[in-house]
């Protein structure tokens, strides 16, 4: 059985039974997530001539491609203790869901985790 996994935000190791489980909607609708995403990928964006977060947001092709790719993650997001701070979510619920995810061997999916896809 897996004893640790990578955080879906920063790739830090999340040991069993830690972390928080979020759905795609909670992640991609967070402006702080997108700011952090830009910072993590800043070198790649600068290589493409995008030198600021605002430039990233204004580049409609890159923004839409990135947004749709990340929104397409059809599994819940496991987030570490550090990264949960960038989300405005019910942390107790997210922690309970992570515990259930670990107990299920990674197969647990919260009720309505796919709500984003119904829109």
PDB file of N, CA and C in Angstrom:
ATOM      1  N   UNK A   1       0.838  -1.192   0.000  1.00  0.00           N
ATOM      2  CA  UNK A   1       0.000   0.000   0.000  1.00  0.00           C
ATOM      3  C   UNK A   1       0.877   1.248   0.000  1.00  0.00           C
ATOM      4  N   UNK A   2       0.419   2.281  -0.666  1.00  0.00           N
ATOM      5  CA  UNK A   2       1.139   3.542  -0.786  1.00  0.00           C
ATOM      6  C   UNK A   2       1.141   4.263   0.563  1.00  0.00           C
ATOM      7  N   UNK A   3       2.310   4.747   0.966  1.00  0.00           N
ATOM      8  CA  UNK A   3       2.446   5.444   2.247  1.00  0.00           C
ATOM      9  C   UNK A   3       2.573   6.952   2.104  1.00  0.00           C
ATOM     10  N   UNK A   4       2.792   7.418   0.857  1.00  0.00           N
ATOM     11  CA  UNK A   4       2.833   8.850   0.590  1.00  0.00           C
ATOM     12  C   UNK A   4       2.585   9.072  -0.895  1.00  0.00           C
ATOM     13  N   UNK A   5       2.040  10.254  -1.201  1.00  0.00           N
ATOM     14  CA  UNK A   5       1.800  10.648  -2.595  1.00  0.00           C
ATOM     15  C   UNK A   5       2.230  12.100  -2.751  1.00  0.00           C
ATOM     16  N   UNK A   6       2.320  12.545  -3.984  1.00  0.00           N
ATOM     17  CA  UNK A   6       2.695  13.937  -4.251  1.00  0.00           C
ATOM     18  C   UNK A   6       1.457  14.831  -4.181  1.00  0.00           C
ATOM     19  N   UNK A   7       1.628  16.000  -3.590  1.00  0.00           N
ATOM     20  CA  UNK A   7       0.578  17.016  -3.571  1.00  0.00           C
ATOM     21  C   UNK A   7       0.265  17.387  -5.021  1.00  0.00           C
ATOM     22  N   UNK A   8      -1.004  17.469  -5.349  1.00  0.00           N
ATOM     23  CA  UNK A   8      -1.409  17.814  -6.709  1.00  0.00           C
ATOM     24  C   UNK A   8      -1.145  19.282  -7.053  1.00  0.00           C
ATOM     25  N   UNK A   9      -0.726  20.068  -6.091  1.00  0.00           N
ATOM     26  CA  UNK A   9      -0.437  21.472  -6.346  1.00  0.00           C
ATOM     27  C   UNK A   9       1.061  21.707  -6.467  1.00  0.00           C
ATOM     28  N   UNK A  10       1.840  21.285  -5.466  1.00  0.00           N
ATOM     29  CA  UNK A  10       3.270  21.624  -5.437  1.00  0.00           C
ATOM     30  C   UNK A  10       4.199  20.416  -5.551  1.00  0.00           C
ATOM     31  N   UNK A  11       3.636  19.218  -5.567  1.00  0.00           N
ATOM     32  CA  UNK A  11       4.390  17.962  -5.672  1.00  0.00           C
ATOM     33  C   UNK A  11       5.142  17.574  -4.401  1.00  0.00           C
ATOM     34  N   UNK A  12       4.924  18.293  -3.299  1.00  0.00           N
ATOM     35  CA  UNK A  12       5.533  17.891  -2.021  1.00  0.00           C
ATOM     36  C   UNK A  12       4.939  16.540  -1.608  1.00  0.00           C
ATOM     37  N   UNK A  13       5.699  15.780  -0.874  1.00  0.00           N
ATOM     38  CA  UNK A  13       5.223  14.483  -0.401  1.00  0.00           C
ATOM     39  C   UNK A  13       4.155  14.674   0.677  1.00  0.00           C
ATOM     40  N   UNK A  14       3.059  13.961   0.527  1.00  0.00           N
ATOM     41  CA  UNK A  14       1.965  13.976   1.508  1.00  0.00           C
ATOM     42  C   UNK A  14       1.897  12.573   2.096  1.00  0.00           C
ATOM     43  N   UNK A  15       2.305  12.416   3.367  1.00  0.00           N
ATOM     44  CA  UNK A  15       2.300  11.089   3.970  1.00  0.00           C
ATOM     45  C   UNK A  15       0.892  10.660   4.385  1.00  0.00           C
ATOM     46  N   UNK A  16       0.661   9.379   4.334  1.00  0.00           N
ATOM     47  CA  UNK A  16      -0.597   8.808   4.791  1.00  0.00           C
ATOM     48  C   UNK A  16      -0.727   9.068   6.280  1.00  0.00           C
ATOM     49  N   UNK A  17      -1.810   9.499   6.813  1.00  0.00           N
ATOM     50  CA  UNK A  17      -3.128   9.813   6.253  1.00  0.00           C
ATOM     51  C   UNK A  17      -3.365  11.320   6.134  1.00  0.00           C
ATOM     52  N   UNK A  18      -2.340  12.085   5.852  1.00  0.00           N
ATOM     53  CA  UNK A  18      -2.426  13.548   5.831  1.00  0.00           C
ATOM     54  C   UNK A  18      -3.071  14.079   4.558  1.00  0.00           C
ATOM     55  N   UNK A  19      -3.187  15.395   4.514  1.00  0.00           N
ATOM     56  CA  UNK A  19      -3.648  16.085   3.325  1.00  0.00           C
ATOM     57  C   UNK A  19      -5.104  16.487   3.380  1.00  0.00           C
ATOM     58  N   UNK A  20      -5.518  17.082   2.278  1.00  0.00           N
ATOM     59  CA  UNK A  20      -6.885  17.569   2.102  1.00  0.00           C
ATOM     60  C   UNK A  20      -7.318  17.174   0.705  1.00  0.00           C
ATOM     61  N   UNK A  21      -8.556  16.754   0.560  1.00  0.00           N
ATOM     62  CA  UNK A  21      -9.061  16.344  -0.747  1.00  0.00           C
ATOM     63  C   UNK A  21     -10.021  17.403  -1.272  1.00  0.00           C
ATOM     64  N   UNK A  22      -9.705  17.941  -2.456  1.00  0.00           N
ATOM     65  CA  UNK A  22     -10.519  18.976  -3.091  1.00  0.00           C
ATOM     66  C   UNK A  22     -11.019  18.483  -4.439  1.00  0.00           C
ATOM     67  N   UNK A  23     -12.091  19.109  -4.923  1.00  0.00           N
ATOM     68  CA  UNK A  23     -12.543  18.783  -6.279  1.00  0.00           C
ATOM     69  C   UNK A  23     -11.990  19.819  -7.255  1.00  0.00           C
ATOM     70  N   UNK A  24     -12.091  19.528  -8.536  1.00  0.00           N
ATOM     71  CA  UNK A  24     -11.524  20.420  -9.552  1.00  0.00           C
ATOM     72  C   UNK A  24     -12.102  21.822  -9.474  1.00  0.00           C
ATOM     73  N   UNK A  25     -13.376  21.919  -9.196  1.00  0.00           N
ATOM     74  CA  UNK A  25     -14.013  23.234  -9.109  1.00  0.00           C
ATOM     75  C   UNK A  25     -13.394  24.078  -8.001  1.00  0.00           C
ATOM     76  N   UNK A  26     -13.138  23.467  -6.846  1.00  0.00           N
ATOM     77  CA  UNK A  26     -12.533  24.196  -5.737  1.00  0.00           C
ATOM     78  C   UNK A  26     -11.131  24.684  -6.095  1.00  0.00           C
ATOM     79  N   UNK A  27     -10.437  23.922  -6.896  1.00  0.00           N
ATOM     80  CA  UNK A  27      -9.076  24.289  -7.282  1.00  0.00           C
ATOM     81  C   UNK A  27      -9.083  25.362  -8.362  1.00  0.00           C
ATOM     82  N   UNK A  28      -9.726  25.084  -9.467  1.00  0.00           N
ATOM     83  CA  UNK A  28      -9.605  26.003 -10.610  1.00  0.00           C
ATOM     84  C   UNK A  28     -10.372  27.306 -10.431  1.00  0.00           C
ATOM     85  N   UNK A  29     -11.262  27.360  -9.480  1.00  0.00           N
ATOM     86  CA  UNK A  29     -11.976  28.612  -9.222  1.00  0.00           C
ATOM     87  C   UNK A  29     -11.276  29.476  -8.172  1.00  0.00           C
ATOM     88  N   UNK A  30     -10.076  29.100  -7.788  1.00  0.00           N
ATOM     89  CA  UNK A  30      -9.301  29.850  -6.809  1.00  0.00           C
ATOM     90  C   UNK A  30      -8.283  30.750  -7.513  1.00  0.00           C
ATOM     91  N   UNK A  31      -8.449  32.051  -7.380  1.00  0.00           N
ATOM     92  CA  UNK A  31      -7.487  32.970  -8.005  1.00  0.00           C
ATOM     93  C   UNK A  31      -6.102  32.802  -7.388  1.00  0.00           C
ATOM     94  N   UNK A  32      -6.038  32.475  -6.099  1.00  0.00           N
ATOM     95  CA  UNK A  32      -4.730  32.260  -5.461  1.00  0.00           C
ATOM     96  C   UNK A  32      -4.040  31.025  -6.037  1.00  0.00           C
ATOM     97  N   UNK A  33      -4.816  30.013  -6.414  1.00  0.00           N
ATOM     98  CA  UNK A  33      -4.224  28.837  -7.053  1.00  0.00           C
ATOM     99  C   UNK A  33      -3.541  29.253  -8.358  1.00  0.00           C
ATOM    100  N   UNK A  34      -4.232  30.064  -9.162  1.00  0.00           N
ATOM    101  CA  UNK A  34      -3.677  30.451 -10.452  1.00  0.00           C
ATOM    102  C   UNK A  34      -2.442  31.315 -10.291  1.00  0.00           C
ATOM    103  N   UNK A  35      -2.412  32.157  -9.281  1.00  0.00           N
ATOM    104  CA  UNK A  35      -1.214  32.953  -9.019  1.00  0.00           C
ATOM    105  C   UNK A  35      -0.044  32.046  -8.647  1.00  0.00           C
ATOM    106  N   UNK A  36      -0.323  31.050  -7.808  1.00  0.00           N
ATOM    107  CA  UNK A  36       0.724  30.109  -7.425  1.00  0.00           C
ATOM    108  C   UNK A  36       1.142  29.259  -8.621  1.00  0.00           C
ATOM    109  N   UNK A  37       0.178  28.865  -9.424  1.00  0.00           N
ATOM    110  CA  UNK A  37       0.492  28.087 -10.633  1.00  0.00           C
ATOM    111  C   UNK A  37       1.459  28.874 -11.512  1.00  0.00           C
ATOM    112  N   UNK A  38       1.172  30.153 -11.721  1.00  0.00           N
ATOM    113  CA  UNK A  38       2.062  30.992 -12.525  1.00  0.00           C
ATOM    114  C   UNK A  38       3.467  31.027 -11.918  1.00  0.00           C
ATOM    115  N   UNK A  39       3.553  31.221 -10.605  1.00  0.00           N
ATOM    116  CA  UNK A  39       4.869  31.295  -9.956  1.00  0.00           C
ATOM    117  C   UNK A  39       5.653  29.997 -10.133  1.00  0.00           C
ATOM    118  N   UNK A  40       4.989  28.852 -10.018  1.00  0.00           N
ATOM    119  CA  UNK A  40       5.667  27.567 -10.188  1.00  0.00           C
ATOM    120  C   UNK A  40       6.182  27.368 -11.609  1.00  0.00           C
ATOM    121  N   UNK A  41       5.484  27.954 -12.578  1.00  0.00           N
ATOM    122  CA  UNK A  41       5.823  27.769 -13.979  1.00  0.00           C
ATOM    123  C   UNK A  41       6.398  29.031 -14.625  1.00  0.00           C
ATOM    124  N   UNK A  42       6.813  29.950 -13.799  1.00  0.00           N
ATOM    125  CA  UNK A  42       7.281  31.252 -14.263  1.00  0.00           C
ATOM    126  C   UNK A  42       8.382  31.144 -15.316  1.00  0.00           C
ATOM    127  N   UNK A  43       9.355  30.283 -15.109  1.00  0.00           N
ATOM    128  CA  UNK A  43      10.454  30.139 -16.066  1.00  0.00           C
ATOM    129  C   UNK A  43       9.947  29.680 -17.431  1.00  0.00           C
ATOM    130  N   UNK A  44       9.009  28.738 -17.430  1.00  0.00           N
ATOM    131  CA  UNK A  44       8.439  28.263 -18.690  1.00  0.00           C
ATOM    132  C   UNK A  44       7.686  29.392 -19.398  1.00  0.00           C
ATOM    133  N   UNK A  45       6.916  30.161 -18.638  1.00  0.00           N
ATOM    134  CA  UNK A  45       6.152  31.255 -19.225  1.00  0.00           C
ATOM    135  C   UNK A  45       7.078  32.351 -19.759  1.00  0.00           C
ATOM    136  N   UNK A  46       8.130  32.640 -19.024  1.00  0.00           N
ATOM    137  CA  UNK A  46       9.069  33.655 -19.487  1.00  0.00           C
ATOM    138  C   UNK A  46       9.739  33.221 -20.783  1.00  0.00           C
ATOM    139  N   UNK A  47      10.019  31.933 -20.909  1.00  0.00           N
ATOM    140  CA  UNK A  47      10.581  31.391 -22.143  1.00  0.00           C
ATOM    141  C   UNK A  47       9.629  31.637 -23.320  1.00  0.00           C
ATOM    142  N   UNK A  48       8.321  31.665 -23.043  1.00  0.00           N
ATOM    143  CA  UNK A  48       7.309  31.925 -24.077  1.00  0.00           C
ATOM    144  C   UNK A  48       7.031  33.413 -24.252  1.00  0.00           C
ATOM    145  N   UNK A  49       7.768  34.263 -23.521  1.00  0.00           N
ATOM    146  CA  UNK A  49       7.594  35.704 -23.639  1.00  0.00           C
ATOM    147  C   UNK A  49       6.524  36.279 -22.732  1.00  0.00           C
ATOM    148  N   UNK A  50       6.085  35.490 -21.746  1.00  0.00           N
ATOM    149  CA  UNK A  50       5.067  35.956 -20.807  1.00  0.00           C
ATOM    150  C   UNK A  50       5.774  36.246 -19.493  1.00  0.00           C
ATOM    151  N   UNK A  51       5.841  37.526 -19.151  1.00  0.00           N
ATOM    152  CA  UNK A  51       6.673  37.926 -18.017  1.00  0.00           C
ATOM    153  C   UNK A  51       5.908  38.294 -16.758  1.00  0.00           C
ATOM    154  N   UNK A  52       4.584  38.096 -16.753  1.00  0.00           N
ATOM    155  CA  UNK A  52       3.814  38.428 -15.565  1.00  0.00           C
ATOM    156  C   UNK A  52       2.568  37.549 -15.477  1.00  0.00           C
ATOM    157  N   UNK A  53       2.019  37.490 -14.300  1.00  0.00           N
ATOM    158  CA  UNK A  53       0.768  36.754 -14.096  1.00  0.00           C
ATOM    159  C   UNK A  53      -0.334  37.354 -14.961  1.00  0.00           C
ATOM    160  N   UNK A  54      -0.385  38.677 -15.022  1.00  0.00           N
ATOM    161  CA  UNK A  54      -1.401  39.347 -15.827  1.00  0.00           C
ATOM    162  C   UNK A  54      -1.241  38.986 -17.307  1.00  0.00           C
ATOM    163  N   UNK A  55       0.004  38.876 -17.750  1.00  0.00           N
ATOM    164  CA  UNK A  55       0.265  38.462 -19.127  1.00  0.00           C
ATOM    165  C   UNK A  55      -0.229  37.048 -19.390  1.00  0.00           C
ATOM    166  N   UNK A  56      -0.044  36.179 -18.426  1.00  0.00           N
ATOM    167  CA  UNK A  56      -0.544  34.803 -18.517  1.00  0.00           C
ATOM    168  C   UNK A  56      -2.060  34.811 -18.659  1.00  0.00           C
ATOM    169  N   UNK A  57      -2.731  35.590 -17.826  1.00  0.00           N
ATOM    170  CA  UNK A  57      -4.204  35.664 -17.869  1.00  0.00           C
ATOM    171  C   UNK A  57      -4.699  36.286 -19.179  1.00  0.00           C
ATOM    172  N   UNK A  58      -3.960  37.231 -19.725  1.00  0.00           N
ATOM    173  CA  UNK A  58      -4.382  37.903 -20.966  1.00  0.00           C
ATOM    174  C   UNK A  58      -4.130  37.065 -22.214  1.00  0.00           C
ATOM    175  N   UNK A  59      -3.245  36.094 -22.132  1.00  0.00           N
ATOM    176  CA  UNK A  59      -2.956  35.241 -23.288  1.00  0.00           C
ATOM    177  C   UNK A  59      -4.067  34.187 -23.380  1.00  0.00           C
ATOM    178  N   UNK A  60      -5.102  34.499 -24.141  1.00  0.00           N
ATOM    179  CA  UNK A  60      -6.311  33.665 -24.136  1.00  0.00           C
ATOM    180  C   UNK A  60      -6.056  32.228 -24.580  1.00  0.00           C
ATOM    181  N   UNK A  61      -5.186  32.017 -25.538  1.00  0.00           N
ATOM    182  CA  UNK A  61      -4.924  30.646 -25.993  1.00  0.00           C
ATOM    183  C   UNK A  61      -4.252  29.842 -24.882  1.00  0.00           C
ATOM    184  N   UNK A  62      -3.204  30.391 -24.312  1.00  0.00           N
ATOM    185  CA  UNK A  62      -2.494  29.701 -23.235  1.00  0.00           C
ATOM    186  C   UNK A  62      -3.383  29.529 -22.015  1.00  0.00           C
ATOM    187  N   UNK A  63      -4.090  30.587 -21.638  1.00  0.00           N
ATOM    188  CA  UNK A  63      -4.973  30.526 -20.467  1.00  0.00           C
ATOM    189  C   UNK A  63      -6.037  29.453 -20.648  1.00  0.00           C
ATOM    190  N   UNK A  64      -6.735  29.484 -21.796  1.00  0.00           N
ATOM    191  CA  UNK A  64      -7.816  28.513 -22.015  1.00  0.00           C
ATOM    192  C   UNK A  64      -7.300  27.086 -22.079  1.00  0.00           C
ATOM    193  N   UNK A  65      -6.173  26.888 -22.708  1.00  0.00           N
ATOM    194  CA  UNK A  65      -5.589  25.549 -22.785  1.00  0.00           C
ATOM    195  C   UNK A  65      -5.226  25.039 -21.396  1.00  0.00           C
ATOM    196  N   UNK A  66      -4.555  25.877 -20.629  1.00  0.00           N
ATOM    197  CA  UNK A  66      -4.138  25.489 -19.283  1.00  0.00           C
ATOM    198  C   UNK A  66      -5.349  25.248 -18.396  1.00  0.00           C
ATOM    199  N   UNK A  67      -6.298  26.166 -18.428  1.00  0.00           N
ATOM    200  CA  UNK A  67      -7.516  26.049 -17.618  1.00  0.00           C
ATOM    201  C   UNK A  67      -8.254  24.751 -17.931  1.00  0.00           C
ATOM    202  N   UNK A  68      -8.476  24.488 -19.206  1.00  0.00           N
ATOM    203  CA  UNK A  68      -9.226  23.291 -19.593  1.00  0.00           C
ATOM    204  C   UNK A  68      -8.475  22.005 -19.265  1.00  0.00           C
ATOM    205  N   UNK A  69      -7.164  22.033 -19.395  1.00  0.00           N
ATOM    206  CA  UNK A  69      -6.368  20.850 -19.052  1.00  0.00           C
ATOM    207  C   UNK A  69      -6.478  20.542 -17.562  1.00  0.00           C
ATOM    208  N   UNK A  70      -6.297  21.565 -16.734  1.00  0.00           N
ATOM    209  CA  UNK A  70      -6.351  21.340 -15.288  1.00  0.00           C
ATOM    210  C   UNK A  70      -7.773  21.059 -14.813  1.00  0.00           C
ATOM    211  N   UNK A  71      -8.749  21.701 -15.423  1.00  0.00           N
ATOM    212  CA  UNK A  71     -10.142  21.434 -15.080  1.00  0.00           C
ATOM    213  C   UNK A  71     -10.517  20.010 -15.464  1.00  0.00           C
ATOM    214  N   UNK A  72      -9.781  19.455 -16.404  1.00  0.00           N
ATOM    215  CA  UNK A  72     -10.057  18.110 -16.872  1.00  0.00           C
ATOM    216  C   UNK A  72      -9.596  17.002 -15.945  1.00  0.00           C
ATOM    217  N   UNK A  73      -8.955  17.360 -14.852  1.00  0.00           N
ATOM    218  CA  UNK A  73      -8.547  16.322 -13.898  1.00  0.00           C
ATOM    219  C   UNK A  73      -9.808  15.732 -13.297  1.00  0.00           C
ATOM    220  N   UNK A  74     -10.105  14.527 -13.663  1.00  0.00           N
ATOM    221  CA  UNK A  74     -11.363  13.902 -13.265  1.00  0.00           C
ATOM    222  C   UNK A  74     -11.268  13.128 -11.958  1.00  0.00           C
ATOM    223  N   UNK A  75     -10.195  13.313 -11.254  1.00  0.00           N
ATOM    224  CA  UNK A  75     -10.070  12.713  -9.930  1.00  0.00           C
ATOM    225  C   UNK A  75      -9.904  13.841  -8.924  1.00  0.00           C
ATOM    226  N   UNK A  76     -10.270  13.602  -7.674  1.00  0.00           N
ATOM    227  CA  UNK A  76     -10.067  14.640  -6.656  1.00  0.00           C
ATOM    228  C   UNK A  76      -8.591  15.000  -6.523  1.00  0.00           C
ATOM    229  N   UNK A  77      -8.348  16.193  -6.039  1.00  0.00           N
ATOM    230  CA  UNK A  77      -6.995  16.711  -5.858  1.00  0.00           C
ATOM    231  C   UNK A  77      -6.581  16.512  -4.400  1.00  0.00           C
ATOM    232  N   UNK A  78      -5.458  15.835  -4.165  1.00  0.00           N
ATOM    233  CA  UNK A  78      -4.922  15.707  -2.814  1.00  0.00           C
ATOM    234  C   UNK A  78      -3.926  16.850  -2.610  1.00  0.00           C
ATOM    235  N   UNK A  79      -4.160  17.637  -1.582  1.00  0.00           N
ATOM    236  CA  UNK A  79      -3.397  18.859  -1.341  1.00  0.00           C
ATOM    237  C   UNK A  79      -2.685  18.759   0.005  1.00  0.00           C
ATOM    238  N   UNK A  80      -1.450  19.229   0.066  1.00  0.00           N
ATOM    239  CA  UNK A  80      -0.642  19.165   1.291  1.00  0.00           C
ATOM    240  C   UNK A  80      -1.050  20.246   2.303  1.00  0.00           C
ATOM    241  N   UNK A  81      -0.478  20.150   3.495  1.00  0.00           N
ATOM    242  CA  UNK A  81      -0.771  21.091   4.571  1.00  0.00           C
ATOM    243  C   UNK A  81      -0.384  22.524   4.210  1.00  0.00           C
ATOM    244  N   UNK A  82       0.648  22.705   3.419  1.00  0.00           N
ATOM    245  CA  UNK A  82       1.055  24.058   3.025  1.00  0.00           C
ATOM    246  C   UNK A  82       0.127  24.647   1.975  1.00  0.00           C
ATOM    247  N   UNK A  83      -0.215  23.865   0.984  1.00  0.00           N
ATOM    248  CA  UNK A  83      -1.007  24.379  -0.142  1.00  0.00           C
ATOM    249  C   UNK A  83      -2.475  24.624   0.198  1.00  0.00           C
ATOM    250  N   UNK A  84      -2.998  23.983   1.207  1.00  0.00           N
ATOM    251  CA  UNK A  84      -4.411  24.189   1.529  1.00  0.00           C
ATOM    252  C   UNK A  84      -4.688  25.656   1.861  1.00  0.00           C
ATOM    253  N   UNK A  85      -3.663  26.373   2.283  1.00  0.00           N
ATOM    254  CA  UNK A  85      -3.831  27.780   2.657  1.00  0.00           C
ATOM    255  C   UNK A  85      -4.269  28.662   1.486  1.00  0.00           C
ATOM    256  N   UNK A  86      -4.046  28.220   0.253  1.00  0.00           N
ATOM    257  CA  UNK A  86      -4.426  29.054  -0.887  1.00  0.00           C
ATOM    258  C   UNK A  86      -5.898  28.879  -1.278  1.00  0.00           C
ATOM    259  N   UNK A  87      -6.597  27.984  -0.606  1.00  0.00           N
ATOM    260  CA  UNK A  87      -7.994  27.715  -0.957  1.00  0.00           C
ATOM    261  C   UNK A  87      -8.941  28.139   0.152  1.00  0.00           C
ATOM    262  N   UNK A  88     -10.060  28.686  -0.249  1.00  0.00           N
ATOM    263  CA  UNK A  88     -11.111  29.077   0.686  1.00  0.00           C
ATOM    264  C   UNK A  88     -12.153  27.957   0.693  1.00  0.00           C
ATOM    265  N   UNK A  89     -11.857  26.909   1.457  1.00  0.00           N
ATOM    266  CA  UNK A  89     -12.714  25.726   1.509  1.00  0.00           C
ATOM    267  C   UNK A  89     -12.931  25.323   2.965  1.00  0.00           C
ATOM    268  N   UNK A  90     -13.869  24.431   3.163  1.00  0.00           N
ATOM    269  CA  UNK A  90     -14.113  23.857   4.486  1.00  0.00           C
ATOM    270  C   UNK A  90     -12.991  22.848   4.749  1.00  0.00           C
ATOM    271  N   UNK A  91     -12.024  23.241   5.534  1.00  0.00           N
ATOM    272  CA  UNK A  91     -10.848  22.385   5.757  1.00  0.00           C
ATOM    273  C   UNK A  91     -11.187  21.101   6.496  1.00  0.00           C
ATOM    274  N   UNK A  92     -12.112  21.162   7.425  1.00  0.00           N
ATOM    275  CA  UNK A  92     -12.487  19.943   8.148  1.00  0.00           C
ATOM    276  C   UNK A  92     -13.083  18.914   7.194  1.00  0.00           C
ATOM    277  N   UNK A  93     -13.945  19.369   6.301  1.00  0.00           N
ATOM    278  CA  UNK A  93     -14.550  18.465   5.317  1.00  0.00           C
ATOM    279  C   UNK A  93     -13.465  17.911   4.395  1.00  0.00           C
ATOM    280  N   UNK A  94     -12.581  18.784   3.917  1.00  0.00           N
ATOM    281  CA  UNK A  94     -11.517  18.360   3.014  1.00  0.00           C
ATOM    282  C   UNK A  94     -10.569  17.362   3.695  1.00  0.00           C
ATOM    283  N   UNK A  95     -10.322  17.559   4.983  1.00  0.00           N
ATOM    284  CA  UNK A  95      -9.467  16.622   5.742  1.00  0.00           C
ATOM    285  C   UNK A  95     -10.167  15.265   5.887  1.00  0.00           C
ATOM    286  N   UNK A  96     -11.461  15.299   6.229  1.00  0.00           N
ATOM    287  CA  UNK A  96     -12.226  14.035   6.345  1.00  0.00           C
ATOM    288  C   UNK A  96     -12.215  13.287   5.019  1.00  0.00           C
ATOM    289  N   UNK A  97     -12.397  14.020   3.934  1.00  0.00           N
ATOM    290  CA  UNK A  97     -12.392  13.378   2.623  1.00  0.00           C
ATOM    291  C   UNK A  97     -11.027  12.778   2.306  1.00  0.00           C
ATOM    292  N   UNK A  98      -9.958  13.448   2.692  1.00  0.00           N
ATOM    293  CA  UNK A  98      -8.611  12.901   2.477  1.00  0.00           C
ATOM    294  C   UNK A  98      -8.426  11.619   3.286  1.00  0.00           C
ATOM    295  N   UNK A  99      -8.895  11.615   4.517  1.00  0.00           N
ATOM    296  CA  UNK A  99      -8.783  10.409   5.341  1.00  0.00           C
ATOM    297  C   UNK A  99      -9.536   9.251   4.688  1.00  0.00           C
ATOM    298  N   UNK A 100     -10.731   9.531   4.154  1.00  0.00           N
ATOM    299  CA  UNK A 100     -11.505   8.495   3.472  1.00  0.00           C
ATOM    300  C   UNK A 100     -10.795   8.041   2.199  1.00  0.00           C
ATOM    301  N   UNK A 101     -10.150   8.986   1.521  1.00  0.00           N
ATOM    302  CA  UNK A 101      -9.407   8.656   0.314  1.00  0.00           C
ATOM    303  C   UNK A 101      -8.263   7.688   0.641  1.00  0.00           C
ATOM    304  N   UNK A 102      -7.518   8.000   1.704  1.00  0.00           N
ATOM    305  CA  UNK A 102      -6.419   7.121   2.117  1.00  0.00           C
ATOM    306  C   UNK A 102      -6.959   5.745   2.514  1.00  0.00           C
ATOM    307  N   UNK A 103      -8.031   5.728   3.317  1.00  0.00           N
ATOM    308  CA  UNK A 103      -8.599   4.453   3.780  1.00  0.00           C
ATOM    309  C   UNK A 103      -9.075   3.582   2.625  1.00  0.00           C
ATOM    310  N   UNK A 104      -9.517   4.201   1.535  1.00  0.00           N
ATOM    311  CA  UNK A 104     -10.031   3.464   0.388  1.00  0.00           C
ATOM    312  C   UNK A 104      -8.942   3.072  -0.603  1.00  0.00           C
ATOM    313  N   UNK A 105      -7.704   3.397  -0.279  1.00  0.00           N
ATOM    314  CA  UNK A 105      -6.616   3.108  -1.204  1.00  0.00           C
ATOM    315  C   UNK A 105      -6.596   4.036  -2.412  1.00  0.00           C
ATOM    316  N   UNK A 106      -7.188   5.215  -2.260  1.00  0.00           N
ATOM    317  CA  UNK A 106      -7.190   6.205  -3.330  1.00  0.00           C
ATOM    318  C   UNK A 106      -8.398   6.144  -4.244  1.00  0.00           C
ATOM    319  N   UNK A 107      -9.379   5.343  -3.901  1.00  0.00           N
ATOM    320  CA  UNK A 107     -10.550   5.234  -4.781  1.00  0.00           C
ATOM    321  C   UNK A 107     -11.729   6.095  -4.331  1.00  0.00           C
ATOM    322  N   UNK A 108     -11.674   6.626  -3.117  1.00  0.00           N
ATOM    323  CA  UNK A 108     -12.781   7.453  -2.614  1.00  0.00           C
ATOM    324  C   UNK A 108     -12.936   8.725  -3.439  1.00  0.00           C
ATOM    325  N   UNK A 109     -14.176   9.043  -3.761  1.00  0.00           N
ATOM    326  CA  UNK A 109     -14.487  10.292  -4.439  1.00  0.00           C
ATOM    327  C   UNK A 109     -15.672  10.918  -3.705  1.00  0.00           C
ATOM    328  N   UNK A 110     -15.497  12.128  -3.218  1.00  0.00           N
ATOM    329  CA  UNK A 110     -16.566  12.780  -2.459  1.00  0.00           C
ATOM    330  C   UNK A 110     -17.841  12.921  -3.292  1.00  0.00           C
ATOM    331  N   UNK A 111     -18.963  12.962  -2.614  1.00  0.00           N
ATOM    332  CA  UNK A 111     -20.233  13.206  -3.299  1.00  0.00           C
ATOM    333  C   UNK A 111     -20.131  14.518  -4.066  1.00  0.00           C
ATOM    334  N   UNK A 112     -20.626  14.518  -5.257  1.00  0.00           N
ATOM    335  CA  UNK A 112     -20.649  15.698  -6.121  1.00  0.00           C
ATOM    336  C   UNK A 112     -19.266  16.220  -6.495  1.00  0.00           C
ATOM    337  N   UNK A 113     -18.206  15.400  -6.393  1.00  0.00           N
ATOM    338  CA  UNK A 113     -16.871  15.861  -6.763  1.00  0.00           C
ATOM    339  C   UNK A 113     -16.834  16.250  -8.236  1.00  0.00           C
ATOM    340  N   UNK A 114     -17.736  15.728  -9.020  1.00  0.00           N
ATOM    341  CA  UNK A 114     -17.789  15.978 -10.457  1.00  0.00           C
ATOM    342  C   UNK A 114     -18.765  17.097 -10.801  1.00  0.00           C
ATOM    343  N   UNK A 115     -19.276  17.785  -9.819  1.00  0.00           N
ATOM    344  CA  UNK A 115     -20.277  18.832 -10.027  1.00  0.00           C
ATOM    345  C   UNK A 115     -19.850  19.827 -11.105  1.00  0.00           C
ATOM    346  N   UNK A 116     -18.576  20.124 -11.151  1.00  0.00           N
ATOM    347  CA  UNK A 116     -18.053  21.055 -12.139  1.00  0.00           C
ATOM    348  C   UNK A 116     -18.402  20.612 -13.556  1.00  0.00           C
ATOM    349  N   UNK A 117     -18.392  19.315 -13.800  1.00  0.00           N
ATOM    350  CA  UNK A 117     -18.586  18.776 -15.145  1.00  0.00           C
ATOM    351  C   UNK A 117     -20.039  18.786 -15.587  1.00  0.00           C
ATOM    352  N   UNK A 118     -20.967  19.004 -14.678  1.00  0.00           N
ATOM    353  CA  UNK A 118     -22.376  19.018 -15.043  1.00  0.00           C
ATOM    354  C   UNK A 118     -22.766  20.350 -15.668  1.00  0.00           C
ATOM    355  N   UNK A 119     -21.949  21.369 -15.500  1.00  0.00           N
ATOM    356  CA  UNK A 119     -22.293  22.712 -15.985  1.00  0.00           C
ATOM    357  C   UNK A 119     -22.158  22.795 -17.485  1.00  0.00           C
TER     358      UNK A 119
END
